[in-house]
């Protein structure tokens, strides 16, 4: 099944958030060691939590968990905390705000 982009990566330990518009961007941010240690949560553009699948070559892919799990309120809360704490007023902040608006409207 195709994923809805952008993919939002939430790093649990330092509460960082990354917005990825391609799988190449996801792979450049999420290191396999951290994926194996469940350091990240991955969400699609509609707020669905994604699962990681690691193959025998230690490459990972993302897919939907079944049943699909959607907790938009928690995701929006994480994003808002991150925005106010870390992001200055710039283009990246505007992308995250747009992501939140789309999540709220999909609900």
N, C-alpha and C. Protein backbone atom coordinates (compact mmCIF):
# COMPACT_ATOMS: atom_id res chain seq x y z
N UNK A 1 0.84 -1.18 0.00
CA UNK A 1 0.00 0.00 0.00
C UNK A 1 0.89 1.24 0.00
N UNK A 2 0.49 2.23 -0.77
CA UNK A 2 1.26 3.47 -0.85
C UNK A 2 1.04 4.32 0.40
N UNK A 3 2.10 4.97 0.84
CA UNK A 3 2.03 5.85 2.00
C UNK A 3 1.62 7.25 1.57
N UNK A 4 0.98 7.97 2.47
CA UNK A 4 0.63 9.36 2.22
C UNK A 4 1.75 10.25 2.75
N UNK A 5 2.36 11.01 1.85
CA UNK A 5 3.45 11.92 2.20
C UNK A 5 2.89 13.31 2.43
N UNK A 6 3.60 14.10 3.25
CA UNK A 6 4.90 13.85 3.85
C UNK A 6 4.80 12.90 5.05
N UNK A 7 5.92 12.26 5.32
CA UNK A 7 6.06 11.41 6.49
C UNK A 7 6.67 12.26 7.61
N UNK A 8 6.08 12.17 8.78
CA UNK A 8 6.61 12.89 9.92
C UNK A 8 7.34 11.88 10.82
N UNK A 9 8.58 12.20 11.14
CA UNK A 9 9.38 11.37 12.04
C UNK A 9 9.47 12.10 13.37
N UNK A 10 9.06 11.42 14.43
CA UNK A 10 9.16 11.96 15.78
C UNK A 10 10.23 11.17 16.52
N UNK A 11 11.27 11.88 16.96
CA UNK A 11 12.36 11.24 17.69
C UNK A 11 12.05 11.32 19.18
N UNK A 12 11.82 10.16 19.79
CA UNK A 12 11.31 10.11 21.16
C UNK A 12 12.25 10.69 22.20
N UNK A 13 13.55 10.46 22.06
CA UNK A 13 14.46 10.86 23.13
C UNK A 13 14.64 12.37 23.24
N UNK A 14 14.79 13.07 22.13
CA UNK A 14 14.97 14.53 22.24
C UNK A 14 13.79 15.32 21.71
N UNK A 15 12.72 14.61 21.33
CA UNK A 15 11.47 15.23 20.88
C UNK A 15 11.60 15.99 19.56
N UNK A 16 12.63 15.67 18.78
CA UNK A 16 12.80 16.30 17.47
C UNK A 16 11.75 15.79 16.49
N UNK A 17 11.45 16.61 15.52
CA UNK A 17 10.50 16.25 14.46
C UNK A 17 11.13 16.56 13.11
N UNK A 18 10.94 15.63 12.19
CA UNK A 18 11.44 15.80 10.82
C UNK A 18 10.27 15.55 9.87
N UNK A 19 10.14 16.39 8.88
CA UNK A 19 9.10 16.25 7.87
C UNK A 19 9.77 15.83 6.57
N UNK A 20 9.41 14.65 6.06
CA UNK A 20 10.07 14.08 4.89
C UNK A 20 9.08 13.92 3.74
N UNK A 21 9.47 14.41 2.59
CA UNK A 21 8.60 14.38 1.43
C UNK A 21 8.91 13.22 0.49
N UNK A 22 9.99 12.49 0.78
CA UNK A 22 10.36 11.30 0.00
C UNK A 22 10.93 10.24 0.95
N UNK A 23 10.96 9.00 0.50
CA UNK A 23 11.58 7.95 1.31
C UNK A 23 13.08 8.19 1.40
N UNK A 24 13.68 8.79 0.40
CA UNK A 24 15.12 9.11 0.49
C UNK A 24 15.40 10.01 1.68
N UNK A 25 14.52 10.97 1.91
CA UNK A 25 14.69 11.85 3.07
C UNK A 25 14.52 11.07 4.37
N UNK A 26 13.55 10.16 4.41
CA UNK A 26 13.36 9.33 5.60
C UNK A 26 14.63 8.55 5.89
N UNK A 27 15.20 7.91 4.85
CA UNK A 27 16.41 7.10 5.03
C UNK A 27 17.61 7.94 5.44
N UNK A 28 17.66 9.20 5.00
CA UNK A 28 18.80 10.05 5.36
C UNK A 28 18.73 10.51 6.82
N UNK A 29 17.53 10.50 7.40
CA UNK A 29 17.36 10.95 8.78
C UNK A 29 17.38 9.78 9.76
N UNK A 30 16.64 8.74 9.46
CA UNK A 30 16.47 7.63 10.40
C UNK A 30 17.56 6.59 10.20
N UNK A 31 18.46 6.52 11.16
CA UNK A 31 19.55 5.55 11.09
C UNK A 31 19.05 4.19 11.53
N UNK A 32 19.53 3.15 10.88
CA UNK A 32 19.04 1.80 11.13
C UNK A 32 19.20 1.38 12.60
N UNK A 33 20.29 1.80 13.24
CA UNK A 33 20.49 1.44 14.65
C UNK A 33 19.37 2.02 15.52
N UNK A 34 19.01 3.27 15.23
CA UNK A 34 17.94 3.91 15.99
C UNK A 34 16.57 3.32 15.65
N UNK A 35 16.38 2.94 14.40
CA UNK A 35 15.13 2.29 14.00
C UNK A 35 14.99 0.97 14.75
N UNK A 36 16.05 0.21 14.82
CA UNK A 36 16.04 -1.07 15.55
C UNK A 36 15.74 -0.87 17.03
N UNK A 37 16.20 0.24 17.59
CA UNK A 37 15.99 0.53 19.01
C UNK A 37 14.67 1.27 19.28
N UNK A 38 13.86 1.42 18.25
CA UNK A 38 12.54 2.10 18.36
C UNK A 38 12.65 3.52 18.89
N UNK A 39 13.66 4.24 18.42
CA UNK A 39 13.86 5.63 18.83
C UNK A 39 12.83 6.55 18.16
N UNK A 40 12.32 6.15 17.01
CA UNK A 40 11.43 7.00 16.21
C UNK A 40 10.00 6.49 16.20
N UNK A 41 9.09 7.44 16.03
CA UNK A 41 7.72 7.14 15.63
C UNK A 41 7.54 7.75 14.25
N UNK A 42 6.92 7.02 13.36
CA UNK A 42 6.69 7.49 11.99
C UNK A 42 5.19 7.65 11.77
N UNK A 43 4.78 8.78 11.22
CA UNK A 43 3.38 9.05 10.92
C UNK A 43 3.24 9.45 9.45
N UNK A 44 2.12 9.08 8.83
CA UNK A 44 1.87 9.55 7.48
C UNK A 44 1.18 10.91 7.53
N UNK A 45 0.89 11.47 6.36
CA UNK A 45 0.30 12.81 6.27
C UNK A 45 -1.11 12.89 6.83
N UNK A 46 -1.74 11.75 7.05
CA UNK A 46 -3.10 11.74 7.61
C UNK A 46 -3.11 11.44 9.10
N UNK A 47 -1.92 11.27 9.67
CA UNK A 47 -1.81 11.03 11.10
C UNK A 47 -1.80 9.58 11.52
N UNK A 48 -1.71 8.66 10.56
CA UNK A 48 -1.66 7.24 10.91
C UNK A 48 -0.25 6.85 11.32
N UNK A 49 -0.16 6.11 12.42
CA UNK A 49 1.11 5.61 12.91
C UNK A 49 1.58 4.50 11.97
N UNK A 50 2.85 4.55 11.58
CA UNK A 50 3.43 3.56 10.67
C UNK A 50 4.32 2.61 11.44
N UNK A 51 4.46 1.41 10.94
CA UNK A 51 5.38 0.45 11.55
C UNK A 51 6.62 0.31 10.67
N UNK A 52 7.71 -0.05 11.31
CA UNK A 52 8.95 -0.29 10.58
C UNK A 52 9.11 -1.79 10.37
N UNK A 53 9.62 -2.13 9.21
CA UNK A 53 9.91 -3.52 8.86
C UNK A 53 11.38 -3.57 8.48
N UNK A 54 12.16 -4.39 9.19
CA UNK A 54 13.59 -4.47 8.92
C UNK A 54 13.88 -5.82 8.28
N UNK A 55 14.54 -5.79 7.12
CA UNK A 55 14.83 -7.05 6.43
C UNK A 55 16.17 -7.64 6.86
N UNK A 56 16.52 -8.77 6.29
CA UNK A 56 17.75 -9.47 6.68
C UNK A 56 19.02 -8.70 6.31
N UNK A 57 18.91 -7.74 5.41
CA UNK A 57 20.06 -6.91 5.03
C UNK A 57 20.14 -5.63 5.86
N UNK A 58 19.32 -5.58 6.92
CA UNK A 58 19.27 -4.42 7.82
C UNK A 58 18.84 -3.15 7.10
N UNK A 59 17.92 -3.30 6.18
CA UNK A 59 17.27 -2.16 5.53
C UNK A 59 15.85 -2.12 6.08
N UNK A 60 15.31 -0.92 6.20
CA UNK A 60 13.95 -0.86 6.74
C UNK A 60 12.99 -0.23 5.75
N UNK A 61 11.74 -0.57 5.92
CA UNK A 61 10.67 0.03 5.14
C UNK A 61 9.55 0.40 6.11
N UNK A 62 8.61 1.19 5.63
CA UNK A 62 7.48 1.61 6.44
C UNK A 62 6.21 1.05 5.85
N UNK A 63 5.27 0.70 6.72
CA UNK A 63 3.97 0.23 6.27
C UNK A 63 2.94 0.60 7.33
N UNK A 64 1.68 0.44 6.97
CA UNK A 64 0.61 0.73 7.93
C UNK A 64 0.46 -0.41 8.91
N UNK A 65 0.23 -0.05 10.17
CA UNK A 65 -0.10 -1.05 11.18
C UNK A 65 -1.56 -1.42 10.98
N UNK A 66 -1.89 -2.64 11.25
CA UNK A 66 -3.29 -3.06 11.18
C UNK A 66 -3.71 -3.62 12.52
N UNK A 67 -4.80 -3.17 13.08
CA UNK A 67 -5.65 -2.14 12.49
C UNK A 67 -4.94 -0.79 12.52
N UNK A 68 -5.30 0.07 11.58
CA UNK A 68 -4.65 1.38 11.51
C UNK A 68 -4.89 2.14 12.81
N UNK A 69 -3.84 2.77 13.28
CA UNK A 69 -3.89 3.50 14.54
C UNK A 69 -3.73 4.99 14.24
N UNK A 70 -4.73 5.77 14.64
CA UNK A 70 -4.68 7.21 14.38
C UNK A 70 -4.98 7.96 15.66
N UNK A 71 -3.99 8.70 16.15
CA UNK A 71 -4.16 9.53 17.33
C UNK A 71 -3.69 10.93 16.98
N UNK A 72 -4.50 11.61 16.21
CA UNK A 72 -4.14 12.92 15.69
C UNK A 72 -3.91 13.92 16.81
N UNK A 73 -4.71 13.86 17.87
CA UNK A 73 -4.56 14.83 18.96
C UNK A 73 -3.18 14.74 19.60
N UNK A 74 -2.69 13.52 19.85
CA UNK A 74 -1.35 13.36 20.42
C UNK A 74 -0.29 13.85 19.46
N UNK A 75 -0.43 13.50 18.18
CA UNK A 75 0.53 13.94 17.18
C UNK A 75 0.56 15.46 17.08
N UNK A 76 -0.60 16.08 17.03
CA UNK A 76 -0.66 17.55 16.95
C UNK A 76 -0.02 18.18 18.19
N UNK A 77 -0.26 17.61 19.35
CA UNK A 77 0.35 18.12 20.56
C UNK A 77 1.87 18.07 20.49
N UNK A 78 2.43 16.95 20.02
CA UNK A 78 3.89 16.84 19.86
C UNK A 78 4.41 17.88 18.88
N UNK A 79 3.72 18.06 17.79
CA UNK A 79 4.17 19.02 16.78
C UNK A 79 4.14 20.44 17.32
N UNK A 80 3.07 20.81 17.99
CA UNK A 80 2.97 22.17 18.53
C UNK A 80 4.05 22.44 19.56
N UNK A 81 4.33 21.47 20.44
CA UNK A 81 5.40 21.65 21.42
C UNK A 81 6.74 21.86 20.73
N UNK A 82 6.98 21.06 19.71
CA UNK A 82 8.23 21.18 18.97
C UNK A 82 8.34 22.53 18.27
N UNK A 83 7.27 22.95 17.62
CA UNK A 83 7.29 24.22 16.89
C UNK A 83 7.62 25.38 17.83
N UNK A 84 6.93 25.43 18.95
CA UNK A 84 7.14 26.56 19.87
C UNK A 84 8.51 26.52 20.53
N UNK A 85 9.06 25.34 20.73
CA UNK A 85 10.35 25.22 21.41
C UNK A 85 11.55 25.38 20.50
N UNK A 86 11.45 24.88 19.27
CA UNK A 86 12.65 24.75 18.45
C UNK A 86 12.67 25.53 17.14
N UNK A 87 11.54 25.86 16.59
CA UNK A 87 11.52 26.39 15.23
C UNK A 87 11.33 27.90 15.23
N UNK A 88 12.29 28.63 14.65
CA UNK A 88 12.10 30.07 14.49
C UNK A 88 11.08 30.30 13.36
N UNK A 89 10.65 31.50 13.23
CA UNK A 89 9.68 31.84 12.19
C UNK A 89 10.38 31.74 10.83
N UNK A 90 10.15 30.66 10.12
CA UNK A 90 10.76 30.48 8.82
C UNK A 90 9.93 29.49 7.99
N UNK A 91 10.47 29.10 6.85
CA UNK A 91 9.75 28.21 5.95
C UNK A 91 9.47 26.85 6.57
N UNK A 92 10.41 26.31 7.34
CA UNK A 92 10.22 25.00 7.97
C UNK A 92 9.04 25.04 8.95
N UNK A 93 8.94 26.12 9.70
CA UNK A 93 7.83 26.27 10.63
C UNK A 93 6.51 26.30 9.87
N UNK A 94 6.48 27.02 8.76
CA UNK A 94 5.26 27.09 7.96
C UNK A 94 4.86 25.73 7.41
N UNK A 95 5.83 24.88 7.04
CA UNK A 95 5.52 23.54 6.55
C UNK A 95 4.89 22.70 7.64
N UNK A 96 5.41 22.80 8.86
CA UNK A 96 4.85 22.04 9.97
C UNK A 96 3.45 22.52 10.33
N UNK A 97 3.24 23.82 10.30
CA UNK A 97 1.91 24.36 10.58
C UNK A 97 0.92 23.88 9.53
N UNK A 98 1.34 23.87 8.27
CA UNK A 98 0.48 23.37 7.20
C UNK A 98 0.16 21.89 7.41
N UNK A 99 1.13 21.12 7.86
CA UNK A 99 0.92 19.70 8.16
C UNK A 99 -0.15 19.54 9.25
N UNK A 100 -0.08 20.36 10.29
CA UNK A 100 -1.07 20.31 11.38
C UNK A 100 -2.47 20.63 10.85
N UNK A 101 -2.57 21.69 10.06
CA UNK A 101 -3.88 22.08 9.52
C UNK A 101 -4.47 20.95 8.70
N UNK A 102 -3.65 20.30 7.89
CA UNK A 102 -4.14 19.18 7.08
C UNK A 102 -4.58 18.01 7.96
N UNK A 103 -3.86 17.75 9.05
CA UNK A 103 -4.25 16.69 9.98
C UNK A 103 -5.59 17.01 10.63
N UNK A 104 -5.73 18.24 11.09
CA UNK A 104 -6.97 18.64 11.75
C UNK A 104 -8.16 18.54 10.81
N UNK A 105 -7.93 18.85 9.54
CA UNK A 105 -9.02 18.81 8.56
C UNK A 105 -9.34 17.41 8.08
N UNK A 106 -8.40 16.45 8.26
CA UNK A 106 -8.63 15.08 7.80
C UNK A 106 -9.44 14.28 8.78
N UNK A 107 -9.57 14.80 10.01
CA UNK A 107 -10.09 14.09 11.11
C UNK A 107 -11.47 13.72 11.22
